[in-house]
Structure formats: structure tokens, C-alpha cells
Amino acid sequence: MEQKHIVVVDDETAFRTMLRKTLEAAGYRVSEARNALGAVELGAYDLMLLDIKMPGIDGHKILSSLKHGDSRNAPILVMSGLSDPDHRTQALKEGADGFLAKPMNTEVLLATVAELLARAPSR
């Protein structure tokens, strides 16, 4: 079975590293980007974990354009430490396929990733 490629986009290095290690331990190939522009440069992926609150271009601003790029059919799981429910609603309206609040439960994260990958069309 082909190893699924997941891109983690977050401006917090420690958080990106923790996610990468967790996802790699679960058998995924993981790339990291510290901002939205870096994510676009990574090319095709099977799923993206995208932080909403980042300096420069935040997750809200890049979300809709990601849905029109090379990996436009790939699910995007938005993450946020912001407790305002409007962020979740806005992200889902902009095309996010799921939303997780930080800090995340590892089991919930892995189950959500597996579910989104299972529902995604093959590329």
C-alpha cells in the first residue's frame, strides 16, 4: 500500500515536530511548512493539517486557494488554538474538511486523519 503524504502547516516548530513524529509513527510520510506559502511550495499531498492563526498569510486566507491547486481533492484538516466557534464555522465554509482544536488528543487526531484519507478520492 502506498504511504500517504501529509503536510503539516504551523508556525510553531515544537508543535509541527510533535505532529510529524506522531504521524510518522502511525505510518504516514510527513512534510512540514512553517507558513501557508511554504505549504504551497511542497507540491502534491494526500492530506494537509493547516493552522489557522499564523503570521503573514493565515489559514483562512490560503484555504480557498489550496482547494484549487494540484491537491485540490486532498482533504484539509484545520487546527486552531482559538476557542471562538466562528473560526471553525468560517474554516468549514472556506472548504476545510474537518476542524480540530488545539491541544489535540492523539487518538482523535489519528482517527480523524484516517477517516478523511479514507473518504478522499484517489489522486
PDB file of N, CA and C in Angstrom:
ATOM      1  N   MET A   1       0.842  -1.187   0.000  1.00  0.00           N
ATOM      2  CA  MET A   1       0.000   0.000   0.000  1.00  0.00           C
ATOM      3  C   MET A   1       0.884   1.246   0.000  1.00  0.00           C
ATOM      4  N   GLU A   2       0.504   2.230  -0.798  1.00  0.00           N
ATOM      5  CA  GLU A   2       1.270   3.469  -0.898  1.00  0.00           C
ATOM      6  C   GLU A   2       1.171   4.266   0.402  1.00  0.00           C
ATOM      7  N   GLN A   3       2.317   4.786   0.834  1.00  0.00           N
ATOM      8  CA  GLN A   3       2.354   5.601   2.038  1.00  0.00           C
ATOM      9  C   GLN A   3       1.725   6.960   1.736  1.00  0.00           C
ATOM     10  N   LYS A   4       0.748   7.361   2.531  1.00  0.00           N
ATOM     11  CA  LYS A   4       0.064   8.636   2.338  1.00  0.00           C
ATOM     12  C   LYS A   4       0.962   9.791   2.786  1.00  0.00           C
ATOM     13  N   HIS A   5       0.926  10.882   2.002  1.00  0.00           N
ATOM     14  CA  HIS A   5       1.747  12.059   2.280  1.00  0.00           C
ATOM     15  C   HIS A   5       0.890  13.121   2.955  1.00  0.00           C
ATOM     16  N   ILE A   6       1.305  13.514   4.154  1.00  0.00           N
ATOM     17  CA  ILE A   6       0.597  14.529   4.925  1.00  0.00           C
ATOM     18  C   ILE A   6       1.499  15.744   5.082  1.00  0.00           C
ATOM     19  N   VAL A   7       0.941  16.913   4.849  1.00  0.00           N
ATOM     20  CA  VAL A   7       1.661  18.169   5.041  1.00  0.00           C
ATOM     21  C   VAL A   7       1.129  18.829   6.311  1.00  0.00           C
ATOM     22  N   VAL A   8       2.048  19.212   7.200  1.00  0.00           N
ATOM     23  CA  VAL A   8       1.705  19.902   8.435  1.00  0.00           C
ATOM     24  C   VAL A   8       2.150  21.356   8.301  1.00  0.00           C
ATOM     25  N   VAL A   9       1.190  22.279   8.403  1.00  0.00           N
ATOM     26  CA  VAL A   9       1.480  23.708   8.271  1.00  0.00           C
ATOM     27  C   VAL A   9       1.145  24.399   9.590  1.00  0.00           C
ATOM     28  N   ASP A  10       2.205  24.844  10.279  1.00  0.00           N
ATOM     29  CA  ASP A  10       2.028  25.516  11.562  1.00  0.00           C
ATOM     30  C   ASP A  10       3.271  26.355  11.825  1.00  0.00           C
ATOM     31  N   ASP A  11       3.107  27.532  12.392  1.00  0.00           N
ATOM     32  CA  ASP A  11       4.254  28.399  12.653  1.00  0.00           C
ATOM     33  C   ASP A  11       5.008  28.016  13.920  1.00  0.00           C
ATOM     34  N   GLU A  12       4.472  27.125  14.732  1.00  0.00           N
ATOM     35  CA  GLU A  12       5.136  26.689  15.962  1.00  0.00           C
ATOM     36  C   GLU A  12       5.956  25.434  15.687  1.00  0.00           C
ATOM     37  N   THR A  13       7.272  25.572  15.726  1.00  0.00           N
ATOM     38  CA  THR A  13       8.173  24.463  15.395  1.00  0.00           C
ATOM     39  C   THR A  13       7.944  23.249  16.284  1.00  0.00           C
ATOM     40  N   ALA A  14       7.819  23.443  17.581  1.00  0.00           N
ATOM     41  CA  ALA A  14       7.643  22.317  18.503  1.00  0.00           C
ATOM     42  C   ALA A  14       6.353  21.551  18.202  1.00  0.00           C
ATOM     43  N   PHE A  15       5.296  22.279  17.882  1.00  0.00           N
ATOM     44  CA  PHE A  15       4.017  21.640  17.573  1.00  0.00           C
ATOM     45  C   PHE A  15       4.107  20.858  16.259  1.00  0.00           C
ATOM     46  N   ARG A  16       4.748  21.456  15.238  1.00  0.00           N
ATOM     47  CA  ARG A  16       4.947  20.758  13.953  1.00  0.00           C
ATOM     48  C   ARG A  16       5.744  19.475  14.164  1.00  0.00           C
ATOM     49  N   THR A  17       6.794  19.561  14.953  1.00  0.00           N
ATOM     50  CA  THR A  17       7.641  18.391  15.206  1.00  0.00           C
ATOM     51  C   THR A  17       6.852  17.295  15.907  1.00  0.00           C
ATOM     52  N   MET A  18       6.053  17.665  16.895  1.00  0.00           N
ATOM     53  CA  MET A  18       5.234  16.682  17.611  1.00  0.00           C
ATOM     54  C   MET A  18       4.248  16.003  16.658  1.00  0.00           C
ATOM     55  N   LEU A  19       3.602  16.800  15.809  1.00  0.00           N
ATOM     56  CA  LEU A  19       2.665  16.223  14.846  1.00  0.00           C
ATOM     57  C   LEU A  19       3.380  15.302  13.860  1.00  0.00           C
ATOM     58  N   ARG A  20       4.540  15.745  13.357  1.00  0.00           N
ATOM     59  CA  ARG A  20       5.304  14.930  12.402  1.00  0.00           C
ATOM     60  C   ARG A  20       5.658  13.586  13.026  1.00  0.00           C
ATOM     61  N   LYS A  21       6.181  13.595  14.248  1.00  0.00           N
ATOM     62  CA  LYS A  21       6.577  12.347  14.914  1.00  0.00           C
ATOM     63  C   LYS A  21       5.371  11.431  15.145  1.00  0.00           C
ATOM     64  N   THR A  22       4.262  12.015  15.561  1.00  0.00           N
ATOM     65  CA  THR A  22       3.039  11.233  15.798  1.00  0.00           C
ATOM     66  C   THR A  22       2.548  10.587  14.498  1.00  0.00           C
ATOM     67  N   LEU A  23       2.505  11.365  13.435  1.00  0.00           N
ATOM     68  CA  LEU A  23       2.004  10.860  12.149  1.00  0.00           C
ATOM     69  C   LEU A  23       2.968   9.863  11.512  1.00  0.00           C
ATOM     70  N   GLU A  24       4.272  10.105  11.630  1.00  0.00           N
ATOM     71  CA  GLU A  24       5.250   9.145  11.097  1.00  0.00           C
ATOM     72  C   GLU A  24       5.180   7.823  11.847  1.00  0.00           C
ATOM     73  N   ALA A  25       4.983   7.880  13.156  1.00  0.00           N
ATOM     74  CA  ALA A  25       4.849   6.657  13.948  1.00  0.00           C
ATOM     75  C   ALA A  25       3.618   5.857  13.522  1.00  0.00           C
ATOM     76  N   ALA A  26       2.624   6.551  12.981  1.00  0.00           N
ATOM     77  CA  ALA A  26       1.401   5.894  12.505  1.00  0.00           C
ATOM     78  C   ALA A  26       1.549   5.420  11.055  1.00  0.00           C
ATOM     79  N   GLY A  27       2.720   5.646  10.435  1.00  0.00           N
ATOM     80  CA  GLY A  27       2.974   5.121   9.101  1.00  0.00           C
ATOM     81  C   GLY A  27       2.811   6.088   7.949  1.00  0.00           C
ATOM     82  N   TYR A  28       2.655   7.370   8.240  1.00  0.00           N
ATOM     83  CA  TYR A  28       2.489   8.361   7.181  1.00  0.00           C
ATOM     84  C   TYR A  28       3.827   9.009   6.823  1.00  0.00           C
ATOM     85  N   ARG A  29       3.936   9.495   5.598  1.00  0.00           N
ATOM     86  CA  ARG A  29       5.072  10.325   5.176  1.00  0.00           C
ATOM     87  C   ARG A  29       4.653  11.765   5.438  1.00  0.00           C
ATOM     88  N   VAL A  30       5.505  12.531   6.119  1.00  0.00           N
ATOM     89  CA  VAL A  30       5.121  13.862   6.572  1.00  0.00           C
ATOM     90  C   VAL A  30       6.122  14.912   6.102  1.00  0.00           C
ATOM     91  N   SER A  31       5.595  16.017   5.585  1.00  0.00           N
ATOM     92  CA  SER A  31       6.385  17.197   5.261  1.00  0.00           C
ATOM     93  C   SER A  31       5.882  18.329   6.136  1.00  0.00           C
ATOM     94  N   GLU A  32       6.775  19.267   6.430  1.00  0.00           N
ATOM     95  CA  GLU A  32       6.405  20.391   7.284  1.00  0.00           C
ATOM     96  C   GLU A  32       6.587  21.716   6.549  1.00  0.00           C
ATOM     97  N   ALA A  33       5.740  22.666   6.887  1.00  0.00           N
ATOM     98  CA  ALA A  33       5.890  24.038   6.402  1.00  0.00           C
ATOM     99  C   ALA A  33       5.541  24.962   7.562  1.00  0.00           C
ATOM    100  N   ARG A  34       6.298  26.060   7.690  1.00  0.00           N
ATOM    101  CA  ARG A  34       6.046  26.975   8.802  1.00  0.00           C
ATOM    102  C   ARG A  34       5.042  28.053   8.453  1.00  0.00           C
ATOM    103  N   ASN A  35       4.642  28.106   7.173  1.00  0.00           N
ATOM    104  CA  ASN A  35       3.628  29.087   6.785  1.00  0.00           C
ATOM    105  C   ASN A  35       2.895  28.598   5.544  1.00  0.00           C
ATOM    106  N   ALA A  36       1.864  29.324   5.194  1.00  0.00           N
ATOM    107  CA  ALA A  36       0.997  28.910   4.087  1.00  0.00           C
ATOM    108  C   ALA A  36       1.744  28.883   2.756  1.00  0.00           C
ATOM    109  N   LEU A  37       2.620  29.857   2.531  1.00  0.00           N
ATOM    110  CA  LEU A  37       3.364  29.879   1.270  1.00  0.00           C
ATOM    111  C   LEU A  37       4.295  28.677   1.157  1.00  0.00           C
ATOM    112  N   GLY A  38       4.912  28.300   2.264  1.00  0.00           N
ATOM    113  CA  GLY A  38       5.769  27.118   2.272  1.00  0.00           C
ATOM    114  C   GLY A  38       4.995  25.862   1.940  1.00  0.00           C
ATOM    115  N   ALA A  39       3.746  25.804   2.360  1.00  0.00           N
ATOM    116  CA  ALA A  39       2.906  24.638   2.073  1.00  0.00           C
ATOM    117  C   ALA A  39       2.631  24.525   0.586  1.00  0.00           C
ATOM    118  N   VAL A  40       2.378  25.643  -0.055  1.00  0.00           N
ATOM    119  CA  VAL A  40       2.086  25.646  -1.490  1.00  0.00           C
ATOM    120  C   VAL A  40       3.298  25.129  -2.275  1.00  0.00           C
ATOM    121  N   GLU A  41       4.493  25.449  -1.816  1.00  0.00           N
ATOM    122  CA  GLU A  41       5.717  25.045  -2.498  1.00  0.00           C
ATOM    123  C   GLU A  41       6.017  23.555  -2.373  1.00  0.00           C
ATOM    124  N   LEU A  42       5.362  22.855  -1.449  1.00  0.00           N
ATOM    125  CA  LEU A  42       5.634  21.440  -1.229  1.00  0.00           C
ATOM    126  C   LEU A  42       5.038  20.535  -2.308  1.00  0.00           C
ATOM    127  N   GLY A  43       4.147  21.048  -3.115  1.00  0.00           N
ATOM    128  CA  GLY A  43       3.560  20.236  -4.177  1.00  0.00           C
ATOM    129  C   GLY A  43       2.416  19.369  -3.681  1.00  0.00           C
ATOM    130  N   ALA A  44       2.218  18.241  -4.343  1.00  0.00           N
ATOM    131  CA  ALA A  44       1.060  17.385  -4.085  1.00  0.00           C
ATOM    132  C   ALA A  44       1.157  16.668  -2.736  1.00  0.00           C
ATOM    133  N   TYR A  45       0.012  16.457  -2.141  1.00  0.00           N
ATOM    134  CA  TYR A  45      -0.095  15.769  -0.855  1.00  0.00           C
ATOM    135  C   TYR A  45      -1.445  15.057  -0.803  1.00  0.00           C
ATOM    136  N   ASP A  46      -1.595  14.164   0.179  1.00  0.00           N
ATOM    137  CA  ASP A  46      -2.852  13.435   0.338  1.00  0.00           C
ATOM    138  C   ASP A  46      -3.766  14.069   1.383  1.00  0.00           C
ATOM    139  N   LEU A  47      -3.171  14.814   2.326  1.00  0.00           N
ATOM    140  CA  LEU A  47      -3.944  15.487   3.361  1.00  0.00           C
ATOM    141  C   LEU A  47      -3.083  16.600   3.933  1.00  0.00           C
ATOM    142  N   MET A  48      -3.721  17.699   4.322  1.00  0.00           N
ATOM    143  CA  MET A  48      -2.994  18.796   4.953  1.00  0.00           C
ATOM    144  C   MET A  48      -3.598  19.087   6.315  1.00  0.00           C
ATOM    145  N   LEU A  49      -2.715  19.291   7.297  1.00  0.00           N
ATOM    146  CA  LEU A  49      -3.098  19.817   8.596  1.00  0.00           C
ATOM    147  C   LEU A  49      -2.698  21.285   8.576  1.00  0.00           C
ATOM    148  N   LEU A  50      -3.656  22.181   8.676  1.00  0.00           N
ATOM    149  CA  LEU A  50      -3.424  23.606   8.480  1.00  0.00           C
ATOM    150  C   LEU A  50      -3.822  24.408   9.708  1.00  0.00           C
ATOM    151  N   ASP A  51      -2.850  25.122  10.277  1.00  0.00           N
ATOM    152  CA  ASP A  51      -3.127  26.022  11.388  1.00  0.00           C
ATOM    153  C   ASP A  51      -3.837  27.254  10.840  1.00  0.00           C
ATOM    154  N   ILE A  52      -4.764  27.790  11.600  1.00  0.00           N
ATOM    155  CA  ILE A  52      -5.487  28.993  11.173  1.00  0.00           C
ATOM    156  C   ILE A  52      -4.702  30.252  11.502  1.00  0.00           C
ATOM    157  N   LYS A  53      -4.208  30.362  12.709  1.00  0.00           N
ATOM    158  CA  LYS A  53      -3.574  31.600  13.175  1.00  0.00           C
ATOM    159  C   LYS A  53      -2.060  31.519  12.959  1.00  0.00           C
ATOM    160  N   MET A  54      -1.607  32.175  11.885  1.00  0.00           N
ATOM    161  CA  MET A  54      -0.180  32.243  11.575  1.00  0.00           C
ATOM    162  C   MET A  54       0.142  33.658  11.129  1.00  0.00           C
ATOM    163  N   PRO A  55       1.392  34.084  11.344  1.00  0.00           N
ATOM    164  CA  PRO A  55       1.766  35.414  10.861  1.00  0.00           C
ATOM    165  C   PRO A  55       1.757  35.466   9.330  1.00  0.00           C
ATOM    166  N   GLY A  56       1.564  36.652   8.785  1.00  0.00           N
ATOM    167  CA  GLY A  56       1.528  36.781   7.324  1.00  0.00           C
ATOM    168  C   GLY A  56       0.191  36.293   6.800  1.00  0.00           C
ATOM    169  N   ILE A  57       0.233  35.368   5.864  1.00  0.00           N
ATOM    170  CA  ILE A  57      -0.995  34.802   5.301  1.00  0.00           C
ATOM    171  C   ILE A  57      -1.485  33.704   6.233  1.00  0.00           C
ATOM    172  N   ASP A  58      -2.624  33.912   6.858  1.00  0.00           N
ATOM    173  CA  ASP A  58      -3.126  32.906   7.793  1.00  0.00           C
ATOM    174  C   ASP A  58      -3.893  31.809   7.054  1.00  0.00           C
ATOM    175  N   GLY A  59      -4.313  30.813   7.802  1.00  0.00           N
ATOM    176  CA  GLY A  59      -5.004  29.673   7.216  1.00  0.00           C
ATOM    177  C   GLY A  59      -6.276  30.038   6.479  1.00  0.00           C
ATOM    178  N   HIS A  60      -7.015  31.018   7.016  1.00  0.00           N
ATOM    179  CA  HIS A  60      -8.254  31.434   6.341  1.00  0.00           C
ATOM    180  C   HIS A  60      -7.957  31.965   4.940  1.00  0.00           C
ATOM    181  N   LYS A  61      -6.906  32.750   4.811  1.00  0.00           N
ATOM    182  CA  LYS A  61      -6.607  33.381   3.527  1.00  0.00           C
ATOM    183  C   LYS A  61      -6.144  32.384   2.470  1.00  0.00           C
ATOM    184  N   ILE A  62      -5.490  31.319   2.884  1.00  0.00           N
ATOM    185  CA  ILE A  62      -4.917  30.377   1.912  1.00  0.00           C
ATOM    186  C   ILE A  62      -5.858  29.197   1.623  1.00  0.00           C
ATOM    187  N   LEU A  63      -6.809  28.957   2.507  1.00  0.00           N
ATOM    188  CA  LEU A  63      -7.656  27.766   2.407  1.00  0.00           C
ATOM    189  C   LEU A  63      -8.356  27.621   1.058  1.00  0.00           C
ATOM    190  N   SER A  64      -9.033  28.646   0.605  1.00  0.00           N
ATOM    191  CA  SER A  64      -9.785  28.505  -0.653  1.00  0.00           C
ATOM    192  C   SER A  64      -8.858  28.319  -1.848  1.00  0.00           C
ATOM    193  N   SER A  65      -7.684  28.953  -1.851  1.00  0.00           N
ATOM    194  CA  SER A  65      -6.774  28.771  -2.984  1.00  0.00           C
ATOM    195  C   SER A  65      -6.177  27.369  -2.986  1.00  0.00           C
ATOM    196  N   LEU A  66      -5.999  26.763  -1.812  1.00  0.00           N
ATOM    197  CA  LEU A  66      -5.489  25.387  -1.760  1.00  0.00           C
ATOM    198  C   LEU A  66      -6.478  24.410  -2.401  1.00  0.00           C
ATOM    199  N   LYS A  67      -7.741  24.716  -2.299  1.00  0.00           N
ATOM    200  CA  LYS A  67      -8.768  23.846  -2.863  1.00  0.00           C
ATOM    201  C   LYS A  67      -8.828  23.933  -4.390  1.00  0.00           C
ATOM    202  N   HIS A  68      -7.988  24.787  -4.992  1.00  0.00           N
ATOM    203  CA  HIS A  68      -7.950  24.927  -6.449  1.00  0.00           C
ATOM    204  C   HIS A  68      -6.594  24.534  -7.033  1.00  0.00           C
ATOM    205  N   GLY A  69      -5.652  24.046  -6.204  1.00  0.00           N
ATOM    206  CA  GLY A  69      -4.302  23.714  -6.660  1.00  0.00           C
ATOM    207  C   GLY A  69      -4.164  22.250  -7.049  1.00  0.00           C
ATOM    208  N   ASP A  70      -2.910  21.773  -7.118  1.00  0.00           N
ATOM    209  CA  ASP A  70      -2.607  20.402  -7.522  1.00  0.00           C
ATOM    210  C   ASP A  70      -3.295  19.352  -6.657  1.00  0.00           C
ATOM    211  N   SER A  71      -3.425  19.642  -5.380  1.00  0.00           N
ATOM    212  CA  SER A  71      -4.018  18.682  -4.446  1.00  0.00           C
ATOM    213  C   SER A  71      -5.423  19.094  -4.047  1.00  0.00           C
ATOM    214  N   ARG A  72      -6.146  19.720  -4.954  1.00  0.00           N
ATOM    215  CA  ARG A  72      -7.450  20.304  -4.623  1.00  0.00           C
ATOM    216  C   ARG A  72      -8.452  19.292  -4.083  1.00  0.00           C
ATOM    217  N   ASN A  73      -8.281  18.010  -4.406  1.00  0.00           N
ATOM    218  CA  ASN A  73      -9.190  16.999  -3.875  1.00  0.00           C
ATOM    219  C   ASN A  73      -8.728  16.448  -2.533  1.00  0.00           C
ATOM    220  N   ALA A  74      -7.515  16.817  -2.119  1.00  0.00           N
ATOM    221  CA  ALA A  74      -6.987  16.337  -0.846  1.00  0.00           C
ATOM    222  C   ALA A  74      -7.694  17.043   0.313  1.00  0.00           C
ATOM    223  N   PRO A  75      -8.050  16.294   1.334  1.00  0.00           N
ATOM    224  CA  PRO A  75      -8.710  16.915   2.476  1.00  0.00           C
ATOM    225  C   PRO A  75      -7.773  17.855   3.234  1.00  0.00           C
ATOM    226  N   ILE A  76      -8.365  18.880   3.806  1.00  0.00           N
ATOM    227  CA  ILE A  76      -7.626  19.823   4.646  1.00  0.00           C
ATOM    228  C   ILE A  76      -8.277  19.814   6.020  1.00  0.00           C
ATOM    229  N   LEU A  77      -7.470  19.470   7.009  1.00  0.00           N
ATOM    230  CA  LEU A  77      -7.912  19.439   8.396  1.00  0.00           C
ATOM    231  C   LEU A  77      -7.347  20.679   9.076  1.00  0.00           C
ATOM    232  N   VAL A  78      -8.229  21.588   9.455  1.00  0.00           N
ATOM    233  CA  VAL A  78      -7.822  22.841  10.067  1.00  0.00           C
ATOM    234  C   VAL A  78      -7.643  22.646  11.565  1.00  0.00           C
ATOM    235  N   MET A  79      -6.604  23.301  12.101  1.00  0.00           N
ATOM    236  CA  MET A  79      -6.308  23.235  13.530  1.00  0.00           C
ATOM    237  C   MET A  79      -6.282  24.653  14.079  1.00  0.00           C
ATOM    238  N   SER A  80      -6.742  24.813  15.311  1.00  0.00           N
ATOM    239  CA  SER A  80      -6.679  26.140  15.914  1.00  0.00           C
ATOM    240  C   SER A  80      -6.706  26.042  17.428  1.00  0.00           C
ATOM    241  N   GLY A  81      -5.924  26.905  18.051  1.00  0.00           N
ATOM    242  CA  GLY A  81      -5.966  27.050  19.500  1.00  0.00           C
ATOM    243  C   GLY A  81      -6.968  28.108  19.915  1.00  0.00           C
ATOM    244  N   LEU A  82      -7.579  28.744  18.941  1.00  0.00           N
ATOM    245  CA  LEU A  82      -8.567  29.791  19.218  1.00  0.00           C
ATOM    246  C   LEU A  82      -9.899  29.145  19.577  1.00  0.00           C
ATOM    247  N   SER A  83     -10.480  29.574  20.664  1.00  0.00           N
ATOM    248  CA  SER A  83     -11.701  28.923  21.144  1.00  0.00           C
ATOM    249  C   SER A  83     -12.980  29.467  20.516  1.00  0.00           C
ATOM    250  N   ASP A  84     -12.881  30.533  19.755  1.00  0.00           N
ATOM    251  CA  ASP A  84     -14.047  31.139  19.136  1.00  0.00           C
ATOM    252  C   ASP A  84     -14.652  30.186  18.093  1.00  0.00           C
ATOM    253  N   PRO A  85     -15.919  29.761  18.264  1.00  0.00           N
ATOM    254  CA  PRO A  85     -16.529  28.828  17.312  1.00  0.00           C
ATOM    255  C   PRO A  85     -16.668  29.397  15.901  1.00  0.00           C
ATOM    256  N   ASP A  86     -16.571  30.722  15.761  1.00  0.00           N
ATOM    257  CA  ASP A  86     -16.650  31.318  14.425  1.00  0.00           C
ATOM    258  C   ASP A  86     -15.493  30.876  13.534  1.00  0.00           C
ATOM    259  N   HIS A  87     -14.332  30.587  14.129  1.00  0.00           N
ATOM    260  CA  HIS A  87     -13.185  30.125  13.330  1.00  0.00           C
ATOM    261  C   HIS A  87     -13.498  28.775  12.682  1.00  0.00           C
ATOM    262  N   ARG A  88     -14.115  27.889  13.443  1.00  0.00           N
ATOM    263  CA  ARG A  88     -14.496  26.576  12.911  1.00  0.00           C
ATOM    264  C   ARG A  88     -15.512  26.746  11.778  1.00  0.00           C
ATOM    265  N   THR A  89     -16.544  27.533  12.028  1.00  0.00           N
ATOM    266  CA  THR A  89     -17.585  27.756  11.029  1.00  0.00           C
ATOM    267  C   THR A  89     -17.010  28.370   9.761  1.00  0.00           C
ATOM    268  N   GLN A  90     -16.169  29.389   9.916  1.00  0.00           N
ATOM    269  CA  GLN A  90     -15.579  30.051   8.761  1.00  0.00           C
ATOM    270  C   GLN A  90     -14.681  29.093   7.981  1.00  0.00           C
ATOM    271  N   ALA A  91     -13.854  28.312   8.678  1.00  0.00           N
ATOM    272  CA  ALA A  91     -12.951  27.370   8.003  1.00  0.00           C
ATOM    273  C   ALA A  91     -13.733  26.329   7.202  1.00  0.00           C
ATOM    274  N   LEU A  92     -14.808  25.823   7.763  1.00  0.00           N
ATOM    275  CA  LEU A  92     -15.615  24.828   7.051  1.00  0.00           C
ATOM    276  C   LEU A  92     -16.291  25.448   5.828  1.00  0.00           C
ATOM    277  N   LYS A  93     -16.737  26.698   5.942  1.00  0.00           N
ATOM    278  CA  LYS A  93     -17.337  27.391   4.792  1.00  0.00           C
ATOM    279  C   LYS A  93     -16.306  27.621   3.690  1.00  0.00           C
ATOM    280  N   GLU A  94     -15.047  27.831   4.079  1.00  0.00           N
ATOM    281  CA  GLU A  94     -13.980  28.101   3.120  1.00  0.00           C
ATOM    282  C   GLU A  94     -13.435  26.838   2.456  1.00  0.00           C
ATOM    283  N   GLY A  95     -13.929  25.681   2.875  1.00  0.00           N
ATOM    284  CA  GLY A  95     -13.520  24.449   2.215  1.00  0.00           C
ATOM    285  C   GLY A  95     -12.799  23.434   3.072  1.00  0.00           C
ATOM    286  N   ALA A  96     -12.580  23.729   4.349  1.00  0.00           N
ATOM    287  CA  ALA A  96     -11.933  22.748   5.222  1.00  0.00           C
ATOM    288  C   ALA A  96     -12.807  21.503   5.325  1.00  0.00           C
ATOM    289  N   ASP A  97     -12.160  20.360   5.438  1.00  0.00           N
ATOM    290  CA  ASP A  97     -12.884  19.090   5.531  1.00  0.00           C
ATOM    291  C   ASP A  97     -13.075  18.639   6.970  1.00  0.00           C
ATOM    292  N   GLY A  98     -12.393  19.317   7.883  1.00  0.00           N
ATOM    293  CA  GLY A  98     -12.508  18.993   9.291  1.00  0.00           C
ATOM    294  C   GLY A  98     -11.839  20.069  10.123  1.00  0.00           C
ATOM    295  N   PHE A  99     -12.078  20.034  11.432  1.00  0.00           N
ATOM    296  CA  PHE A  99     -11.538  21.037  12.333  1.00  0.00           C
ATOM    297  C   PHE A  99     -11.206  20.367  13.651  1.00  0.00           C
ATOM    298  N   LEU A 100      -9.995  20.603  14.159  1.00  0.00           N
ATOM    299  CA  LEU A 100      -9.603  20.114  15.479  1.00  0.00           C
ATOM    300  C   LEU A 100      -9.081  21.282  16.300  1.00  0.00           C
ATOM    301  N   ALA A 101      -9.475  21.307  17.558  1.00  0.00           N
ATOM    302  CA  ALA A 101      -8.991  22.338  18.470  1.00  0.00           C
ATOM    303  C   ALA A 101      -7.677  21.887  19.099  1.00  0.00           C
ATOM    304  N   LYS A 102      -6.764  22.854  19.264  1.00  0.00           N
ATOM    305  CA  LYS A 102      -5.513  22.585  19.972  1.00  0.00           C
ATOM    306  C   LYS A 102      -5.744  22.861  21.455  1.00  0.00           C
ATOM    307  N   PRO A 103      -5.100  22.137  22.335  1.00  0.00           N
ATOM    308  CA  PRO A 103      -4.267  20.968  22.077  1.00  0.00           C
ATOM    309  C   PRO A 103      -5.126  19.781  21.671  1.00  0.00           C
ATOM    310  N   MET A 104      -4.538  18.880  20.907  1.00  0.00           N
ATOM    311  CA  MET A 104      -5.283  17.747  20.356  1.00  0.00           C
ATOM    312  C   MET A 104      -5.013  16.464  21.116  1.00  0.00           C
ATOM    313  N   ASN A 105      -6.039  15.655  21.175  1.00  0.00           N
ATOM    314  CA  ASN A 105      -5.892  14.301  21.672  1.00  0.00           C
ATOM    315  C   ASN A 105      -5.316  13.466  20.524  1.00  0.00           C
ATOM    316  N   THR A 106      -4.237  12.741  20.765  1.00  0.00           N
ATOM    317  CA  THR A 106      -3.557  11.978  19.711  1.00  0.00           C
ATOM    318  C   THR A 106      -4.485  10.967  19.040  1.00  0.00           C
ATOM    319  N   GLU A 107      -5.282  10.267  19.825  1.00  0.00           N
ATOM    320  CA  GLU A 107      -6.187   9.265  19.251  1.00  0.00           C
ATOM    321  C   GLU A 107      -7.227   9.913  18.343  1.00  0.00           C
ATOM    322  N   VAL A 108      -7.752  11.065  18.768  1.00  0.00           N
ATOM    323  CA  VAL A 108      -8.738  11.781  17.952  1.00  0.00           C
ATOM    324  C   VAL A 108      -8.081  12.268  16.665  1.00  0.00           C
ATOM    325  N   LEU A 109      -6.873  12.804  16.767  1.00  0.00           N
ATOM    326  CA  LEU A 109      -6.135  13.261  15.591  1.00  0.00           C
ATOM    327  C   LEU A 109      -5.956  12.122  14.594  1.00  0.00           C
ATOM    328  N   LEU A 110      -5.431  10.987  15.043  1.00  0.00           N
ATOM    329  CA  LEU A 110      -5.161   9.870  14.134  1.00  0.00           C
ATOM    330  C   LEU A 110      -6.445   9.296  13.548  1.00  0.00           C
ATOM    331  N   ALA A 111      -7.505   9.235  14.339  1.00  0.00           N
ATOM    332  CA  ALA A 111      -8.782   8.733  13.828  1.00  0.00           C
ATOM    333  C   ALA A 111      -9.356   9.680  12.778  1.00  0.00           C
ATOM    334  N   THR A 112      -9.248  10.979  13.015  1.00  0.00           N
ATOM    335  CA  THR A 112      -9.760  11.968  12.061  1.00  0.00           C
ATOM    336  C   THR A 112      -8.962  11.929  10.764  1.00  0.00           C
ATOM    337  N   VAL A 113      -7.648  11.846  10.870  1.00  0.00           N
ATOM    338  CA  VAL A 113      -6.784  11.752   9.684  1.00  0.00           C
ATOM    339  C   VAL A 113      -7.149  10.506   8.871  1.00  0.00           C
ATOM    340  N   ALA A 114      -7.267   9.368   9.535  1.00  0.00           N
ATOM    341  CA  ALA A 114      -7.597   8.122   8.837  1.00  0.00           C
ATOM    342  C   ALA A 114      -8.962   8.217   8.156  1.00  0.00           C
ATOM    343  N   GLU A 115      -9.931   8.817   8.829  1.00  0.00           N
ATOM    344  CA  GLU A 115     -11.275   8.966   8.252  1.00  0.00           C
ATOM    345  C   GLU A 115     -11.255   9.868   7.034  1.00  0.00           C
ATOM    346  N   LEU A 116     -10.578  10.989   7.113  1.00  0.00           N
ATOM    347  CA  LEU A 116     -10.513  11.916   5.982  1.00  0.00           C
ATOM    348  C   LEU A 116      -9.780  11.276   4.787  1.00  0.00           C
ATOM    349  N   LEU A 117      -8.710  10.556   5.048  1.00  0.00           N
ATOM    350  CA  LEU A 117      -7.980   9.886   3.964  1.00  0.00           C
ATOM    351  C   LEU A 117      -8.839   8.787   3.316  1.00  0.00           C
ATOM    352  N   ALA A 118      -9.611   8.092   4.111  1.00  0.00           N
ATOM    353  CA  ALA A 118     -10.465   7.025   3.587  1.00  0.00           C
ATOM    354  C   ALA A 118     -11.570   7.578   2.692  1.00  0.00           C
ATOM    355  N   ARG A 119     -12.053   8.770   3.013  1.00  0.00           N
ATOM    356  CA  ARG A 119     -13.133   9.383   2.216  1.00  0.00           C
ATOM    357  C   ARG A 119     -12.625  10.110   0.992  1.00  0.00           C
ATOM    358  N   ALA A 120     -11.331  10.449   0.978  1.00  0.00           N
ATOM    359  CA  ALA A 120     -10.774  11.278  -0.117  1.00  0.00           C
ATOM    360  C   ALA A 120     -10.697  10.482  -1.417  1.00  0.00           C
ATOM    361  N   PRO A 121     -10.969  11.148  -2.532  1.00  0.00           N
ATOM    362  CA  PRO A 121     -10.794  10.491  -3.823  1.00  0.00           C
ATOM    363  C   PRO A 121      -9.304  10.233  -4.077  1.00  0.00           C
ATOM    364  N   SER A 122      -9.002   9.174  -4.781  1.00  0.00           N
ATOM    365  CA  SER A 122      -7.604   8.867  -5.099  1.00  0.00           C
ATOM    366  C   SER A 122      -7.068   9.898  -6.075  1.00  0.00           C
ATOM    367  N   ARG A 123      -5.776  10.209  -5.915  1.00  0.00           N
ATOM    368  CA  ARG A 123      -5.188  11.173  -6.847  1.00  0.00           C
ATOM    369  C   ARG A 123      -4.378  10.485  -7.901  1.00  0.00           C
TER     370      ARG A 123
END
